[in-house]
């Protein structure tokens, strides 16, 4: 982790108790704790990590599906354009 963090002056970050790293919200802090400090978690922190991980996993799945859909549309759009003008 870097020793200095570039934060906006009006930011109120959530700080990790183990390493002092600032995060924008508690969900990001829970993910950080679960990944970087997994051996030092208590039961409530582990539950928070699992909940944040599942939430992040769902958002990533939706993003991947949207990205795949966009690529498919782009591909077929280019194929159709090529078939019209070639």
PDB file of N, CA and C in Angstrom:
ATOM      1  N   UNK A   1       0.843  -1.183   0.000  1.00  0.00           N
ATOM      2  CA  UNK A   1       0.000   0.000   0.000  1.00  0.00           C
ATOM      3  C   UNK A   1       0.892   1.252   0.000  1.00  0.00           C
ATOM      4  N   UNK A   2       0.487   2.254  -0.747  1.00  0.00           N
ATOM      5  CA  UNK A   2       1.270   3.492  -0.752  1.00  0.00           C
ATOM      6  C   UNK A   2       1.177   4.218   0.585  1.00  0.00           C
ATOM      7  N   UNK A   3       2.218   4.959   0.896  1.00  0.00           N
ATOM      8  CA  UNK A   3       2.260   5.699   2.156  1.00  0.00           C
ATOM      9  C   UNK A   3       1.358   6.927   2.101  1.00  0.00           C
ATOM     10  N   UNK A   4       1.141   7.497   0.913  1.00  0.00           N
ATOM     11  CA  UNK A   4       0.301   8.682   0.762  1.00  0.00           C
ATOM     12  C   UNK A   4      -0.871   8.354  -0.151  1.00  0.00           C
ATOM     13  N   UNK A   5      -2.007   8.986   0.133  1.00  0.00           N
ATOM     14  CA  UNK A   5      -3.208   8.760  -0.656  1.00  0.00           C
ATOM     15  C   UNK A   5      -3.709  10.093  -1.170  1.00  0.00           C
ATOM     16  N   UNK A   6      -4.168  10.111  -2.404  1.00  0.00           N
ATOM     17  CA  UNK A   6      -4.695  11.320  -3.025  1.00  0.00           C
ATOM     18  C   UNK A   6      -6.197  11.359  -2.786  1.00  0.00           C
ATOM     19  N   UNK A   7      -6.599  12.109  -1.781  1.00  0.00           N
ATOM     20  CA  UNK A   7      -8.007  12.217  -1.420  1.00  0.00           C
ATOM     21  C   UNK A   7      -8.483  13.648  -1.596  1.00  0.00           C
ATOM     22  N   UNK A   8      -9.734  13.828  -2.009  1.00  0.00           N
ATOM     23  CA  UNK A   8     -10.281  15.184  -2.078  1.00  0.00           C
ATOM     24  C   UNK A   8     -10.317  15.798  -0.677  1.00  0.00           C
ATOM     25  N   UNK A   9     -10.204  17.118  -0.580  1.00  0.00           N
ATOM     26  CA  UNK A   9     -10.166  17.759   0.736  1.00  0.00           C
ATOM     27  C   UNK A   9     -11.446  17.557   1.551  1.00  0.00           C
ATOM     28  N   UNK A  10     -12.588  17.400   0.884  1.00  0.00           N
ATOM     29  CA  UNK A  10     -13.847  17.247   1.614  1.00  0.00           C
ATOM     30  C   UNK A  10     -14.226  15.781   1.836  1.00  0.00           C
ATOM     31  N   UNK A  11     -13.333  14.857   1.510  1.00  0.00           N
ATOM     32  CA  UNK A  11     -13.633  13.430   1.646  1.00  0.00           C
ATOM     33  C   UNK A  11     -13.609  13.006   3.109  1.00  0.00           C
ATOM     34  N   UNK A  12     -14.529  12.110   3.437  1.00  0.00           N
ATOM     35  CA  UNK A  12     -14.551  11.506   4.766  1.00  0.00           C
ATOM     36  C   UNK A  12     -14.385  10.003   4.590  1.00  0.00           C
ATOM     37  N   UNK A  13     -13.142   9.542   4.428  1.00  0.00           N
ATOM     38  CA  UNK A  13     -12.931   8.127   4.131  1.00  0.00           C
ATOM     39  C   UNK A  13     -13.140   7.234   5.351  1.00  0.00           C
ATOM     40  N   UNK A  14     -13.420   5.972   5.058  1.00  0.00           N
ATOM     41  CA  UNK A  14     -13.467   4.935   6.079  1.00  0.00           C
ATOM     42  C   UNK A  14     -12.068   4.332   6.102  1.00  0.00           C
ATOM     43  N   UNK A  15     -11.441   4.281   7.269  1.00  0.00           N
ATOM     44  CA  UNK A  15     -10.038   3.884   7.372  1.00  0.00           C
ATOM     45  C   UNK A  15      -9.915   2.470   7.927  1.00  0.00           C
ATOM     46  N   UNK A  16      -9.031   1.690   7.334  1.00  0.00           N
ATOM     47  CA  UNK A  16      -8.764   0.329   7.801  1.00  0.00           C
ATOM     48  C   UNK A  16      -8.001   0.390   9.122  1.00  0.00           C
ATOM     49  N   UNK A  17      -8.482  -0.345  10.109  1.00  0.00           N
ATOM     50  CA  UNK A  17      -7.834  -0.357  11.424  1.00  0.00           C
ATOM     51  C   UNK A  17      -6.506  -1.107  11.398  1.00  0.00           C
ATOM     52  N   UNK A  18      -6.309  -1.981  10.430  1.00  0.00           N
ATOM     53  CA  UNK A  18      -5.096  -2.795  10.374  1.00  0.00           C
ATOM     54  C   UNK A  18      -3.934  -2.081   9.697  1.00  0.00           C
ATOM     55  N   UNK A  19      -4.214  -1.401   8.569  1.00  0.00           N
ATOM     56  CA  UNK A  19      -3.116  -0.794   7.814  1.00  0.00           C
ATOM     57  C   UNK A  19      -3.275   0.707   7.593  1.00  0.00           C
ATOM     58  N   UNK A  20      -4.415   1.276   7.932  1.00  0.00           N
ATOM     59  CA  UNK A  20      -4.622   2.710   7.794  1.00  0.00           C
ATOM     60  C   UNK A  20      -5.014   3.173   6.406  1.00  0.00           C
ATOM     61  N   UNK A  21      -5.312   2.262   5.499  1.00  0.00           N
ATOM     62  CA  UNK A  21      -5.696   2.639   4.138  1.00  0.00           C
ATOM     63  C   UNK A  21      -7.109   3.223   4.132  1.00  0.00           C
ATOM     64  N   UNK A  22      -7.314   4.362   3.451  1.00  0.00           N
ATOM     65  CA  UNK A  22      -8.653   4.967   3.385  1.00  0.00           C
ATOM     66  C   UNK A  22      -9.479   4.387   2.236  1.00  0.00           C
ATOM     67  N   UNK A  23     -10.791   4.300   2.459  1.00  0.00           N
ATOM     68  CA  UNK A  23     -11.710   3.795   1.439  1.00  0.00           C
ATOM     69  C   UNK A  23     -12.931   4.691   1.385  1.00  0.00           C
ATOM     70  N   UNK A  24     -13.561   4.733   0.223  1.00  0.00           N
ATOM     71  CA  UNK A  24     -14.701   5.623   0.005  1.00  0.00           C
ATOM     72  C   UNK A  24     -15.930   5.210   0.798  1.00  0.00           C
ATOM     73  N   UNK A  25     -16.135   3.910   0.981  1.00  0.00           N
ATOM     74  CA  UNK A  25     -17.300   3.461   1.747  1.00  0.00           C
ATOM     75  C   UNK A  25     -16.990   2.166   2.497  1.00  0.00           C
ATOM     76  N   UNK A  26     -17.918   1.771   3.338  1.00  0.00           N
ATOM     77  CA  UNK A  26     -17.714   0.606   4.202  1.00  0.00           C
ATOM     78  C   UNK A  26     -17.659  -0.694   3.404  1.00  0.00           C
ATOM     79  N   UNK A  27     -18.350  -0.752   2.267  1.00  0.00           N
ATOM     80  CA  UNK A  27     -18.324  -1.972   1.455  1.00  0.00           C
ATOM     81  C   UNK A  27     -16.929  -2.218   0.885  1.00  0.00           C
ATOM     82  N   UNK A  28     -16.284  -1.163   0.413  1.00  0.00           N
ATOM     83  CA  UNK A  28     -14.919  -1.310  -0.094  1.00  0.00           C
ATOM     84  C   UNK A  28     -13.961  -1.691   1.027  1.00  0.00           C
ATOM     85  N   UNK A  29     -14.182  -1.133   2.213  1.00  0.00           N
ATOM     86  CA  UNK A  29     -13.360  -1.499   3.365  1.00  0.00           C
ATOM     87  C   UNK A  29     -13.549  -2.968   3.717  1.00  0.00           C
ATOM     88  N   UNK A  30     -14.782  -3.460   3.677  1.00  0.00           N
ATOM     89  CA  UNK A  30     -15.048  -4.870   3.980  1.00  0.00           C
ATOM     90  C   UNK A  30     -14.350  -5.778   2.967  1.00  0.00           C
ATOM     91  N   UNK A  31     -14.381  -5.405   1.688  1.00  0.00           N
ATOM     92  CA  UNK A  31     -13.676  -6.191   0.673  1.00  0.00           C
ATOM     93  C   UNK A  31     -12.174  -6.193   0.929  1.00  0.00           C
ATOM     94  N   UNK A  32     -11.622  -5.039   1.274  1.00  0.00           N
ATOM     95  CA  UNK A  32     -10.194  -4.928   1.571  1.00  0.00           C
ATOM     96  C   UNK A  32      -9.813  -5.805   2.755  1.00  0.00           C
ATOM     97  N   UNK A  33     -10.585  -5.716   3.819  1.00  0.00           N
ATOM     98  CA  UNK A  33     -10.279  -6.525   5.005  1.00  0.00           C
ATOM     99  C   UNK A  33     -10.334  -8.016   4.692  1.00  0.00           C
ATOM    100  N   UNK A  34     -11.338  -8.432   3.940  1.00  0.00           N
ATOM    101  CA  UNK A  34     -11.473  -9.843   3.621  1.00  0.00           C
ATOM    102  C   UNK A  34     -10.365 -10.369   2.735  1.00  0.00           C
ATOM    103  N   UNK A  35      -9.818  -9.520   1.880  1.00  0.00           N
ATOM    104  CA  UNK A  35      -8.762  -9.956   0.965  1.00  0.00           C
ATOM    105  C   UNK A  35      -7.382  -9.802   1.596  1.00  0.00           C
ATOM    106  N   UNK A  36      -7.099  -8.647   2.187  1.00  0.00           N
ATOM    107  CA  UNK A  36      -5.752  -8.378   2.700  1.00  0.00           C
ATOM    108  C   UNK A  36      -5.541  -8.759   4.163  1.00  0.00           C
ATOM    109  N   UNK A  37      -6.592  -8.825   4.942  1.00  0.00           N
ATOM    110  CA  UNK A  37      -6.451  -9.119   6.376  1.00  0.00           C
ATOM    111  C   UNK A  37      -7.386 -10.251   6.797  1.00  0.00           C
ATOM    112  N   UNK A  38      -7.507 -11.269   5.972  1.00  0.00           N
ATOM    113  CA  UNK A  38      -8.481 -12.345   6.211  1.00  0.00           C
ATOM    114  C   UNK A  38      -8.242 -13.080   7.522  1.00  0.00           C
ATOM    115  N   UNK A  39      -6.987 -13.220   7.916  1.00  0.00           N
ATOM    116  CA  UNK A  39      -6.689 -13.959   9.143  1.00  0.00           C
ATOM    117  C   UNK A  39      -7.020 -13.181  10.411  1.00  0.00           C
ATOM    118  N   UNK A  40      -7.250 -11.882  10.305  1.00  0.00           N
ATOM    119  CA  UNK A  40      -7.512 -11.050  11.486  1.00  0.00           C
ATOM    120  C   UNK A  40      -8.982 -10.650  11.620  1.00  0.00           C
ATOM    121  N   UNK A  41      -9.882 -11.285  10.872  1.00  0.00           N
ATOM    122  CA  UNK A  41     -11.292 -10.900  10.893  1.00  0.00           C
ATOM    123  C   UNK A  41     -12.053 -11.620  11.997  1.00  0.00           C
ATOM    124  N   UNK A  42     -12.990 -10.893  12.594  1.00  0.00           N
ATOM    125  CA  UNK A  42     -13.919 -11.558  13.509  1.00  0.00           C
ATOM    126  C   UNK A  42     -15.155 -11.977  12.706  1.00  0.00           C
ATOM    127  N   UNK A  43     -16.131 -12.571  13.373  1.00  0.00           N
ATOM    128  CA  UNK A  43     -17.290 -13.134  12.673  1.00  0.00           C
ATOM    129  C   UNK A  43     -18.105 -12.064  11.936  1.00  0.00           C
ATOM    130  N   UNK A  44     -18.324 -10.909  12.570  1.00  0.00           N
ATOM    131  CA  UNK A  44     -19.122  -9.859  11.919  1.00  0.00           C
ATOM    132  C   UNK A  44     -18.389  -9.266  10.714  1.00  0.00           C
ATOM    133  N   UNK A  45     -17.066  -9.109  10.817  1.00  0.00           N
ATOM    134  CA  UNK A  45     -16.293  -8.599   9.684  1.00  0.00           C
ATOM    135  C   UNK A  45     -16.284  -9.612   8.541  1.00  0.00           C
ATOM    136  N   UNK A  46     -16.212 -10.902   8.879  1.00  0.00           N
ATOM    137  CA  UNK A  46     -16.245 -11.941   7.846  1.00  0.00           C
ATOM    138  C   UNK A  46     -17.606 -11.955   7.137  1.00  0.00           C
ATOM    139  N   UNK A  47     -18.683 -11.786   7.910  1.00  0.00           N
ATOM    140  CA  UNK A  47     -20.021 -11.712   7.308  1.00  0.00           C
ATOM    141  C   UNK A  47     -20.144 -10.498   6.395  1.00  0.00           C
ATOM    142  N   UNK A  48     -19.594  -9.356   6.838  1.00  0.00           N
ATOM    143  CA  UNK A  48     -19.624  -8.144   6.013  1.00  0.00           C
ATOM    144  C   UNK A  48     -18.833  -8.355   4.722  1.00  0.00           C
ATOM    145  N   UNK A  49     -17.693  -9.039   4.824  1.00  0.00           N
ATOM    146  CA  UNK A  49     -16.894  -9.324   3.631  1.00  0.00           C
ATOM    147  C   UNK A  49     -17.661 -10.214   2.664  1.00  0.00           C
ATOM    148  N   UNK A  50     -18.271 -11.277   3.181  1.00  0.00           N
ATOM    149  CA  UNK A  50     -19.007 -12.199   2.310  1.00  0.00           C
ATOM    150  C   UNK A  50     -20.179 -11.504   1.624  1.00  0.00           C
ATOM    151  N   UNK A  51     -20.868 -10.639   2.359  1.00  0.00           N
ATOM    152  CA  UNK A  51     -21.981  -9.890   1.772  1.00  0.00           C
ATOM    153  C   UNK A  51     -21.484  -8.928   0.695  1.00  0.00           C
ATOM    154  N   UNK A  52     -20.392  -8.208   0.980  1.00  0.00           N
ATOM    155  CA  UNK A  52     -19.829  -7.271   0.003  1.00  0.00           C
ATOM    156  C   UNK A  52     -19.303  -8.020  -1.218  1.00  0.00           C
ATOM    157  N   UNK A  53     -18.702  -9.182  -0.995  1.00  0.00           N
ATOM    158  CA  UNK A  53     -18.167  -9.979  -2.098  1.00  0.00           C
ATOM    159  C   UNK A  53     -19.285 -10.456  -3.017  1.00  0.00           C
ATOM    160  N   UNK A  54     -20.379 -10.942  -2.433  1.00  0.00           N
ATOM    161  CA  UNK A  54     -21.512 -11.396  -3.235  1.00  0.00           C
ATOM    162  C   UNK A  54     -22.134 -10.242  -4.020  1.00  0.00           C
ATOM    163  N   UNK A  55     -22.235  -9.083  -3.384  1.00  0.00           N
ATOM    164  CA  UNK A  55     -22.780  -7.908  -4.059  1.00  0.00           C
ATOM    165  C   UNK A  55     -21.885  -7.490  -5.229  1.00  0.00           C
ATOM    166  N   UNK A  56     -20.580  -7.488  -4.988  1.00  0.00           N
ATOM    167  CA  UNK A  56     -19.625  -7.124  -6.038  1.00  0.00           C
ATOM    168  C   UNK A  56     -19.668  -8.144  -7.174  1.00  0.00           C
ATOM    169  N   UNK A  57     -19.808  -9.411  -6.821  1.00  0.00           N
ATOM    170  CA  UNK A  57     -19.870 -10.465  -7.825  1.00  0.00           C
ATOM    171  C   UNK A  57     -21.095 -10.295  -8.724  1.00  0.00           C
ATOM    172  N   UNK A  58     -22.231  -9.930  -8.132  1.00  0.00           N
ATOM    173  CA  UNK A  58     -23.444  -9.703  -8.921  1.00  0.00           C
ATOM    174  C   UNK A  58     -23.269  -8.518  -9.865  1.00  0.00           C
ATOM    175  N   UNK A  59     -22.680  -7.433  -9.346  1.00  0.00           N
ATOM    176  CA  UNK A  59     -22.465  -6.254 -10.195  1.00  0.00           C
ATOM    177  C   UNK A  59     -21.496  -6.561 -11.331  1.00  0.00           C
ATOM    178  N   UNK A  60     -20.450  -7.351 -11.047  1.00  0.00           N
ATOM    179  CA  UNK A  60     -19.507  -7.723 -12.099  1.00  0.00           C
ATOM    180  C   UNK A  60     -20.165  -8.606 -13.150  1.00  0.00           C
ATOM    181  N   UNK A  61     -21.028  -9.512 -12.729  1.00  0.00           N
ATOM    182  CA  UNK A  61     -21.727 -10.378 -13.677  1.00  0.00           C
ATOM    183  C   UNK A  61     -22.603  -9.540 -14.609  1.00  0.00           C
ATOM    184  N   UNK A  62     -23.321  -8.568 -14.054  1.00  0.00           N
ATOM    185  CA  UNK A  62     -24.167  -7.693 -14.875  1.00  0.00           C
ATOM    186  C   UNK A  62     -23.307  -6.891 -15.847  1.00  0.00           C
ATOM    187  N   UNK A  63     -22.185  -6.361 -15.367  1.00  0.00           N
ATOM    188  CA  UNK A  63     -21.286  -5.605 -16.237  1.00  0.00           C
ATOM    189  C   UNK A  63     -20.766  -6.475 -17.376  1.00  0.00           C
ATOM    190  N   UNK A  64     -20.355  -7.700 -17.057  1.00  0.00           N
ATOM    191  CA  UNK A  64     -19.827  -8.593 -18.089  1.00  0.00           C
ATOM    192  C   UNK A  64     -20.887  -8.921 -19.134  1.00  0.00           C
ATOM    193  N   UNK A  65     -22.115  -9.146 -18.692  1.00  0.00           N
ATOM    194  CA  UNK A  65     -23.193  -9.424 -19.648  1.00  0.00           C
ATOM    195  C   UNK A  65     -23.467  -8.219 -20.541  1.00  0.00           C
ATOM    196  N   UNK A  66     -23.462  -7.024 -19.955  1.00  0.00           N
ATOM    197  CA  UNK A  66     -23.664  -5.814 -20.756  1.00  0.00           C
ATOM    198  C   UNK A  66     -22.522  -5.617 -21.747  1.00  0.00           C
ATOM    199  N   UNK A  67     -21.282  -5.856 -21.302  1.00  0.00           N
ATOM    200  CA  UNK A  67     -20.131  -5.711 -22.194  1.00  0.00           C
ATOM    201  C   UNK A  67     -20.199  -6.728 -23.327  1.00  0.00           C
ATOM    202  N   UNK A  68     -20.573  -7.962 -23.013  1.00  0.00           N
ATOM    203  CA  UNK A  68     -20.717  -8.984 -24.048  1.00  0.00           C
ATOM    204  C   UNK A  68     -21.808  -8.597 -25.040  1.00  0.00           C
ATOM    205  N   UNK A  69     -22.930  -8.107 -24.540  1.00  0.00           N
ATOM    206  CA  UNK A  69     -24.007  -7.663 -25.417  1.00  0.00           C
ATOM    207  C   UNK A  69     -23.560  -6.533 -26.328  1.00  0.00           C
ATOM    208  N   UNK A  70     -22.807  -5.588 -25.782  1.00  0.00           N
ATOM    209  CA  UNK A  70     -22.312  -4.475 -26.592  1.00  0.00           C
ATOM    210  C   UNK A  70     -21.354  -4.970 -27.672  1.00  0.00           C
ATOM    211  N   UNK A  71     -20.483  -5.914 -27.331  1.00  0.00           N
ATOM    212  CA  UNK A  71     -19.560  -6.456 -28.329  1.00  0.00           C
ATOM    213  C   UNK A  71     -20.299  -7.222 -29.423  1.00  0.00           C
ATOM    214  N   UNK A  72     -21.311  -7.986 -29.046  1.00  0.00           N
ATOM    215  CA  UNK A  72     -22.098  -8.722 -30.042  1.00  0.00           C
ATOM    216  C   UNK A  72     -22.810  -7.744 -30.971  1.00  0.00           C
ATOM    217  N   UNK A  73     -23.424  -6.707 -30.408  1.00  0.00           N
ATOM    218  CA  UNK A  73     -24.094  -5.701 -31.244  1.00  0.00           C
ATOM    219  C   UNK A  73     -23.109  -4.993 -32.163  1.00  0.00           C
ATOM    220  N   UNK A  74     -21.946  -4.648 -31.643  1.00  0.00           N
ATOM    221  CA  UNK A  74     -20.928  -3.998 -32.459  1.00  0.00           C
ATOM    222  C   UNK A  74     -20.477  -4.914 -33.592  1.00  0.00           C
ATOM    223  N   UNK A  75     -20.230  -6.171 -33.267  1.00  0.00           N
ATOM    224  CA  UNK A  75     -19.792  -7.132 -34.285  1.00  0.00           C
ATOM    225  C   UNK A  75     -20.827  -7.261 -35.400  1.00  0.00           C
ATOM    226  N   UNK A  76     -22.077  -7.522 -35.024  1.00  0.00           N
ATOM    227  CA  UNK A  76     -23.104  -7.699 -36.050  1.00  0.00           C
ATOM    228  C   UNK A  76     -23.394  -6.395 -36.783  1.00  0.00           C
ATOM    229  N   UNK A  77     -23.264  -5.270 -36.107  1.00  0.00           N
ATOM    230  CA  UNK A  77     -23.418  -3.991 -36.787  1.00  0.00           C
ATOM    231  C   UNK A  77     -22.349  -3.788 -37.843  1.00  0.00           C
ATOM    232  N   UNK A  78     -21.106  -4.140 -37.511  1.00  0.00           N
ATOM    233  CA  UNK A  78     -20.028  -4.023 -38.496  1.00  0.00           C
ATOM    234  C   UNK A  78     -20.202  -5.018 -39.639  1.00  0.00           C
ATOM    235  N   UNK A  79     -20.644  -6.229 -39.334  1.00  0.00           N
ATOM    236  CA  UNK A  79     -20.874  -7.225 -40.385  1.00  0.00           C
ATOM    237  C   UNK A  79     -21.977  -6.753 -41.323  1.00  0.00           C
ATOM    238  N   UNK A  80     -23.057  -6.230 -40.779  1.00  0.00           N
ATOM    239  CA  UNK A  80     -24.163  -5.742 -41.615  1.00  0.00           C
ATOM    240  C   UNK A  80     -23.719  -4.542 -42.452  1.00  0.00           C
ATOM    241  N   UNK A  81     -22.970  -3.640 -41.857  1.00  0.00           N
ATOM    242  CA  UNK A  81     -22.460  -2.485 -42.596  1.00  0.00           C
ATOM    243  C   UNK A  81     -21.548  -2.940 -43.726  1.00  0.00           C
ATOM    244  N   UNK A  82     -20.686  -3.889 -43.442  1.00  0.00           N
ATOM    245  CA  UNK A  82     -19.787  -4.416 -44.475  1.00  0.00           C
ATOM    246  C   UNK A  82     -20.579  -5.070 -45.602  1.00  0.00           C
ATOM    247  N   UNK A  83     -21.623  -5.826 -45.243  1.00  0.00           N
ATOM    248  CA  UNK A  83     -22.408  -6.518 -46.278  1.00  0.00           C
ATOM    249  C   UNK A  83     -23.177  -5.530 -47.157  1.00  0.00           C
ATOM    250  N   UNK A  84     -23.541  -4.386 -46.622  1.00  0.00           N
ATOM    251  CA  UNK A  84     -24.263  -3.383 -47.406  1.00  0.00           C
ATOM    252  C   UNK A  84     -23.312  -2.646 -48.347  1.00  0.00           C
ATOM    253  N   UNK A  85     -22.134  -2.271 -47.872  1.00  0.00           N
ATOM    254  CA  UNK A  85     -21.232  -1.431 -48.653  1.00  0.00           C
ATOM    255  C   UNK A  85     -20.173  -2.203 -49.430  1.00  0.00           C
ATOM    256  N   UNK A  86     -20.062  -3.493 -49.245  1.00  0.00           N
ATOM    257  CA  UNK A  86     -19.016  -4.253 -49.954  1.00  0.00           C
ATOM    258  C   UNK A  86     -19.559  -4.957 -51.167  1.00  0.00           C
TER     259      UNK A  86
END
